[in-house]
Amino acid sequence: MISLAAGIDYLDLNFLGFPNIIATAVMQGPDGVALIDPGPATSLETLRSALTRGGISIADVRQILLTHIHLDHAGATGTLVKGNPSIEVFVHERGAPHLADPAKLLSSAARLYGQDMDRLWGEFLAVPSDRLRVLAGGETVAAGGRSLQVAYTPGHASHHVTYFRDGVAYVGDVAGVRIGGGPTLPPTPPPDIDIEAWHASIDLVERAGPRALAVTHFGTHTDVAAHLATLRENLDAWAQRARAEDPDAFEAHVRADLHGVAEERAYLEAMPPETLYAGLARYWRNRNNVGG
């Protein structure tokens, strides 16, 4: 675990046996433990083992706070609630129905990941509706011994929120992917990519003035202004590239952007290039259909 502050840790789920791809935030207080984005079921044993080393069991978990419901962030949630039915799950109102009945979510993911679904993510169990705490943005929630402010931050996903606590913004994917000394890049899988909404969300995060960004893929970054500026630049550049190129050319350019980066393997696992074009192409189709 990496300590962010008293009672707050960031742990590496070692996704598929590789470090620095998916992280979970662990917040511990006198009333129990909260997890932000517990990751996929395939990393659940790593999560359990890391918590055990910190003197925490799943029975100690009181809340799970989801930035959004994509499988790499939320996949283990239903399994954790099955093991500890007292857990409350905080999720945006657009994502809540898909946790209670994940059939459409899983069907959409299967179109994207095909035969790799089980290898990558494992099981995705429904969360009982009475355990869901539905968010719209603007709330203050109590979890892990602290109060967190919730902001609605769409763009990467229509059901994305960011949690702010003690100067740290838990940004999920809205602040992009940045691993080690590599670049800040936008993960753009379908179906919800919205460039204008994403820019507005980046601006919202920056205006909040966090001292650090806790990025699921991967780690915490304190050069907030530079990080977000690079994300804006690359988001726009990739959007224009997808508008002008076919899928193969776009993927080749993404791989070229990452070639030689020390963390190249981690980037390719965190944001598979073959999933990125489809989200941006769908964005352009939707924009053109409304006369944009």
Protein backbone atom coordinates (compact mmCIF):
# COMPACT_ATOMS: atom_id res chain seq x y z
CA MET A 1 0.00 0.00 0.00
CA ILE A 2 1.03 3.60 -0.64
CA SER A 3 0.02 5.97 2.14
CA LEU A 4 -1.64 9.19 0.92
CA ALA A 5 -2.47 10.56 4.35
CA ALA A 6 -3.49 9.33 7.78
CA GLY A 7 -6.07 6.62 7.26
CA ILE A 8 -5.84 6.69 3.44
CA ASP A 9 -3.92 4.17 1.35
CA TYR A 10 -3.63 3.46 -2.36
CA LEU A 11 -3.01 -0.17 -3.25
CA ASP A 12 -1.90 -1.84 -6.45
CA LEU A 13 -4.23 -4.64 -7.56
CA ASN A 14 -1.50 -6.19 -9.76
CA PHE A 15 -4.04 -6.70 -12.52
CA LEU A 16 -3.34 -9.93 -14.44
CA GLY A 17 -0.09 -10.17 -12.52
CA PHE A 18 1.25 -6.81 -13.70
CA PRO A 19 1.92 -3.80 -11.46
CA ASN A 20 0.83 -0.18 -11.96
CA ILE A 21 -2.34 -0.83 -13.98
CA ILE A 22 -5.29 -0.64 -11.54
CA ALA A 23 -5.35 0.91 -8.07
CA THR A 24 -7.93 0.96 -5.28
CA ALA A 25 -8.15 3.64 -2.61
CA VAL A 26 -8.65 2.40 0.95
CA MET A 27 -9.94 4.79 3.60
CA GLN A 28 -9.99 3.63 7.20
CA GLY A 29 -11.68 5.34 10.14
CA PRO A 30 -13.18 4.45 13.51
CA ASP A 31 -16.48 3.47 11.88
CA GLY A 32 -14.92 1.08 9.38
CA VAL A 33 -13.34 0.97 5.94
CA ALA A 34 -14.35 2.42 2.58
CA LEU A 35 -13.02 1.40 -0.83
CA ILE A 36 -13.00 3.63 -3.89
CA ASP A 37 -13.18 1.51 -7.08
CA PRO A 38 -12.45 -2.03 -5.85
CA GLY A 39 -11.42 -3.18 -9.34
CA PRO A 40 -12.40 -6.33 -11.24
CA ALA A 41 -13.18 -9.72 -9.75
CA THR A 42 -9.98 -11.11 -11.30
CA SER A 43 -8.01 -8.93 -8.85
CA LEU A 44 -10.15 -9.73 -5.82
CA GLU A 45 -7.65 -12.09 -4.19
CA THR A 46 -4.95 -9.43 -4.48
CA LEU A 47 -7.32 -6.91 -2.88
CA ARG A 48 -8.17 -9.28 -0.03
CA SER A 49 -4.52 -10.12 0.59
CA ALA A 50 -3.46 -6.47 0.62
CA LEU A 51 -6.25 -5.58 3.03
CA THR A 52 -5.32 -8.51 5.28
CA ARG A 53 -1.72 -7.30 5.44
CA GLY A 54 -3.12 -3.97 6.61
CA GLY A 55 -5.16 -5.66 9.32
CA ILE A 56 -8.45 -5.26 7.39
CA SER A 57 -10.99 -7.89 6.42
CA ILE A 58 -13.91 -7.63 4.00
CA ALA A 59 -16.15 -7.68 7.06
CA ASP A 60 -14.64 -4.31 8.03
CA VAL A 61 -15.71 -2.67 4.75
CA ARG A 62 -18.72 -0.39 5.23
CA GLN A 63 -18.83 1.50 1.93
CA ILE A 64 -17.77 1.08 -1.68
CA LEU A 65 -17.60 4.33 -3.64
CA LEU A 66 -17.59 3.93 -7.40
CA THR A 67 -16.33 6.62 -9.75
CA HIS A 68 -18.13 4.72 -12.52
CA ILE A 69 -19.32 1.22 -13.33
CA HIS A 70 -16.82 0.05 -15.95
CA LEU A 71 -15.61 -3.45 -15.18
CA ASP A 72 -12.03 -2.48 -14.36
CA HIS A 73 -13.32 -0.18 -11.63
CA ALA A 74 -16.51 -1.80 -10.33
CA GLY A 75 -16.38 -5.45 -11.37
CA ALA A 76 -15.76 -6.90 -7.89
CA THR A 77 -18.49 -4.84 -6.21
CA GLY A 78 -21.30 -7.41 -6.32
CA THR A 79 -18.99 -10.18 -5.13
CA LEU A 80 -17.86 -8.05 -2.19
CA VAL A 81 -21.45 -7.22 -1.24
CA LYS A 82 -22.39 -10.89 -1.47
CA GLY A 83 -19.65 -11.62 1.06
CA ASN A 84 -20.60 -8.68 3.28
CA PRO A 85 -24.26 -7.68 2.74
CA SER A 86 -23.93 -4.65 5.04
CA ILE A 87 -21.79 -2.76 2.49
CA GLU A 88 -23.32 0.38 1.03
CA VAL A 89 -22.48 1.08 -2.63
CA PHE A 90 -22.36 4.71 -3.78
CA VAL A 91 -22.86 5.16 -7.53
CA HIS A 92 -24.17 7.76 -9.95
CA GLU A 93 -27.85 7.54 -10.83
CA ARG A 94 -27.07 6.62 -14.44
CA GLY A 95 -24.98 3.66 -13.33
CA ALA A 96 -27.13 2.36 -10.48
CA PRO A 97 -29.67 0.46 -12.63
CA HIS A 98 -26.83 -1.43 -14.32
CA LEU A 99 -25.44 -2.60 -10.99
CA ALA A 100 -28.86 -3.90 -9.94
CA ASP A 101 -29.30 -5.62 -13.32
CA PRO A 102 -25.97 -5.84 -15.19
CA ALA A 103 -27.25 -7.67 -18.28
CA LYS A 104 -26.95 -4.68 -20.63
CA LEU A 105 -23.60 -3.62 -19.16
CA LEU A 106 -22.16 -7.09 -19.63
CA SER A 107 -23.57 -7.39 -23.14
CA SER A 108 -21.96 -4.08 -24.10
CA ALA A 109 -18.63 -5.10 -22.57
CA ALA A 110 -18.73 -8.46 -24.34
CA ARG A 111 -19.00 -6.70 -27.70
CA LEU A 112 -15.84 -4.78 -26.83
CA TYR A 113 -13.75 -7.53 -25.21
CA GLY A 114 -15.16 -10.67 -26.83
CA GLN A 115 -13.63 -13.94 -25.68
CA ASP A 116 -11.32 -12.09 -23.27
CA MET A 117 -14.20 -11.12 -20.94
CA ASP A 118 -13.64 -13.85 -18.35
CA ARG A 119 -9.85 -13.66 -18.51
CA LEU A 120 -9.86 -9.91 -17.95
CA TRP A 121 -12.73 -9.33 -15.56
CA GLY A 122 -14.13 -12.55 -14.10
CA GLU A 123 -17.62 -12.55 -12.60
CA PHE A 124 -19.76 -9.43 -12.31
CA LEU A 125 -22.56 -10.02 -9.79
CA ALA A 126 -25.60 -7.79 -9.37
CA VAL A 127 -25.78 -5.53 -6.33
CA PRO A 128 -29.09 -5.71 -4.41
CA SER A 129 -31.02 -2.48 -4.94
CA ASP A 130 -31.33 -1.87 -1.21
CA ARG A 131 -27.54 -1.61 -0.92
CA LEU A 132 -27.26 1.13 -3.58
CA ARG A 133 -26.85 4.77 -2.54
CA VAL A 134 -27.65 6.77 -5.64
CA LEU A 135 -25.74 9.98 -6.41
CA ALA A 136 -26.45 12.88 -8.74
CA GLY A 137 -23.43 15.04 -7.88
CA GLY A 138 -23.22 17.78 -5.28
CA GLU A 139 -23.63 15.51 -2.28
CA THR A 140 -21.42 15.13 0.76
CA VAL A 141 -21.06 11.50 1.85
CA ALA A 142 -19.53 10.02 4.99
CA ALA A 143 -17.15 7.12 4.41
CA GLY A 144 -13.94 5.81 5.91
CA GLY A 145 -14.03 8.29 8.77
CA ARG A 146 -14.18 11.43 6.63
CA SER A 147 -16.59 13.49 4.56
CA LEU A 148 -16.22 13.41 0.78
CA GLN A 149 -17.67 15.85 -1.69
CA VAL A 150 -19.17 14.34 -4.83
CA ALA A 151 -19.04 15.99 -8.26
CA TYR A 152 -20.65 14.74 -11.45
CA THR A 153 -17.84 14.46 -14.01
CA PRO A 154 -19.05 12.91 -17.29
CA GLY A 155 -17.07 12.72 -20.52
CA HIS A 156 -15.32 9.39 -20.15
CA ALA A 157 -18.62 7.88 -18.99
CA SER A 158 -22.08 9.32 -18.51
CA HIS A 159 -22.18 7.80 -15.01
CA HIS A 160 -18.82 9.15 -13.79
CA VAL A 161 -18.33 11.01 -10.51
CA THR A 162 -15.27 12.35 -8.71
CA TYR A 163 -14.79 12.29 -4.94
CA PHE A 164 -12.88 15.05 -3.16
CA ARG A 165 -11.40 14.55 0.28
CA ASP A 166 -8.64 16.31 2.20
CA GLY A 167 -7.17 17.91 -0.93
CA VAL A 168 -7.13 14.70 -2.96
CA ALA A 169 -9.40 14.20 -5.98
CA TYR A 170 -10.30 10.56 -6.61
CA VAL A 171 -10.79 10.98 -10.32
CA GLY A 172 -11.31 7.48 -11.72
CA ASP A 173 -10.74 7.90 -15.46
CA VAL A 174 -11.83 11.50 -15.97
CA ALA A 175 -8.24 12.68 -15.40
CA GLY A 176 -6.90 10.15 -17.87
CA VAL A 177 -4.28 7.42 -17.68
CA ARG A 178 -0.79 8.29 -16.47
CA ILE A 179 1.65 5.64 -15.36
CA GLY A 180 5.05 6.39 -13.89
CA GLY A 181 6.84 8.98 -16.00
CA GLY A 182 4.65 8.39 -19.03
CA PRO A 183 2.22 10.79 -20.73
CA THR A 184 -1.33 11.63 -19.63
CA LEU A 185 -3.64 9.98 -22.16
CA PRO A 186 -7.44 9.76 -22.54
CA PRO A 187 -9.07 6.31 -22.27
CA THR A 188 -11.87 6.46 -24.84
CA PRO A 189 -13.83 3.18 -25.00
CA PRO A 190 -17.48 3.27 -26.09
CA PRO A 191 -20.25 4.04 -25.53
CA ASP A 192 -20.25 7.35 -23.60
CA ILE A 193 -17.31 9.44 -24.84
CA ASP A 194 -18.30 13.11 -24.97
CA ILE A 195 -15.44 15.49 -25.65
CA GLU A 196 -17.23 18.70 -24.60
CA ALA A 197 -18.52 17.15 -21.38
CA TRP A 198 -15.05 15.75 -20.66
CA HIS A 199 -13.45 19.18 -21.03
CA ALA A 200 -16.06 20.65 -18.68
CA SER A 201 -15.29 17.92 -16.14
CA ILE A 202 -11.55 18.53 -16.38
CA ASP A 203 -12.22 22.23 -15.74
CA LEU A 204 -14.40 21.34 -12.73
CA VAL A 205 -11.68 19.18 -11.21
CA GLU A 206 -9.09 21.91 -11.73
CA ARG A 207 -11.32 24.63 -10.22
CA ALA A 208 -11.75 22.52 -7.11
CA GLY A 209 -8.03 23.06 -6.47
CA PRO A 210 -6.89 19.59 -5.37
CA ARG A 211 -3.29 19.18 -4.30
CA ALA A 212 -3.21 15.69 -5.80
CA LEU A 213 -5.05 13.53 -8.31
CA ALA A 214 -5.59 9.89 -7.34
CA VAL A 215 -5.73 8.23 -10.76
CA THR A 216 -6.97 4.66 -11.02
CA HIS A 217 -4.51 3.98 -13.88
CA PHE A 218 -2.19 4.71 -12.06
CA GLY A 219 -1.10 6.39 -8.86
CA THR A 220 -1.20 9.88 -7.39
CA HIS A 221 0.09 12.97 -9.16
CA THR A 222 0.69 16.36 -7.58
CA ASP A 223 1.50 18.41 -10.70
CA VAL A 224 -2.22 18.91 -11.17
CA ALA A 225 -2.22 21.81 -13.66
CA ALA A 226 0.38 20.23 -15.96
CA HIS A 227 -1.33 16.83 -15.77
CA LEU A 228 -4.72 18.23 -16.77
CA ALA A 229 -3.27 20.48 -19.47
CA THR A 230 -1.60 17.49 -21.11
CA LEU A 231 -4.82 15.51 -20.92
CA ARG A 232 -6.77 18.30 -22.64
CA GLU A 233 -4.19 18.46 -25.43
CA ASN A 234 -4.12 14.71 -26.01
CA LEU A 235 -7.91 14.35 -25.78
CA ASP A 236 -8.36 16.87 -28.57
CA ALA A 237 -5.52 15.44 -30.65
CA TRP A 238 -6.86 11.88 -30.44
CA ALA A 239 -10.41 13.03 -31.20
CA GLN A 240 -9.24 14.74 -34.38
CA ARG A 241 -7.10 11.77 -35.30
CA ALA A 242 -10.07 9.41 -34.96
CA ARG A 243 -12.14 11.75 -37.12
CA ALA A 244 -9.57 11.62 -39.90
CA GLU A 245 -8.30 8.03 -39.74
CA ASP A 246 -9.60 4.49 -39.99
CA PRO A 247 -9.37 2.14 -36.97
CA ASP A 248 -6.12 0.48 -38.06
CA ALA A 249 -4.33 3.78 -38.65
CA PHE A 250 -5.58 5.18 -35.35
CA GLU A 251 -4.44 2.13 -33.40
CA ALA A 252 -1.05 2.22 -35.10
CA HIS A 253 -0.61 5.85 -34.10
CA VAL A 254 -1.55 5.10 -30.47
CA ARG A 255 0.95 2.27 -30.34
CA ALA A 256 3.57 4.55 -31.89
CA ASP A 257 2.84 7.19 -29.22
CA LEU A 258 3.57 4.59 -26.55
CA HIS A 259 6.55 2.93 -28.22
CA GLY A 260 9.65 3.38 -26.11
CA VAL A 261 7.76 4.59 -23.05
CA ALA A 262 9.11 2.67 -20.07
CA GLU A 263 5.59 1.82 -18.90
CA GLU A 264 4.37 0.81 -22.39
CA ARG A 265 3.06 -2.62 -21.28
CA ALA A 266 1.06 -1.10 -18.42
CA TYR A 267 -0.50 1.49 -20.73
CA LEU A 268 -1.48 -1.17 -23.25
CA GLU A 269 -3.21 -3.18 -20.52
CA ALA A 270 -4.86 -0.15 -18.90
CA MET A 271 -6.22 1.23 -22.18
CA PRO A 272 -6.06 -1.38 -24.98
CA PRO A 273 -5.57 0.56 -28.23
CA GLU A 274 -8.13 -1.56 -30.07
CA THR A 275 -10.89 -0.26 -27.73
CA LEU A 276 -10.14 3.45 -28.12
CA TYR A 277 -11.16 4.24 -31.68
CA ALA A 278 -14.73 2.95 -31.28
CA GLY A 279 -15.55 5.39 -28.50
CA LEU A 280 -14.30 8.41 -30.44
CA ALA A 281 -15.93 7.26 -33.68
CA ARG A 282 -19.26 6.91 -31.86
CA TYR A 283 -18.81 10.42 -30.46
CA TRP A 284 -18.35 11.86 -33.96
CA ARG A 285 -21.34 9.94 -35.32
CA ASN A 286 -23.56 11.21 -32.53
CA ARG A 287 -22.30 14.77 -32.99
CA ASN A 288 -22.88 14.68 -36.75
CA ASN A 289 -26.38 13.27 -36.28
CA VAL A 290 -27.40 16.32 -34.27
CA GLY A 291 -25.90 18.70 -36.79
CA GLY A 292 -22.65 19.37 -34.92
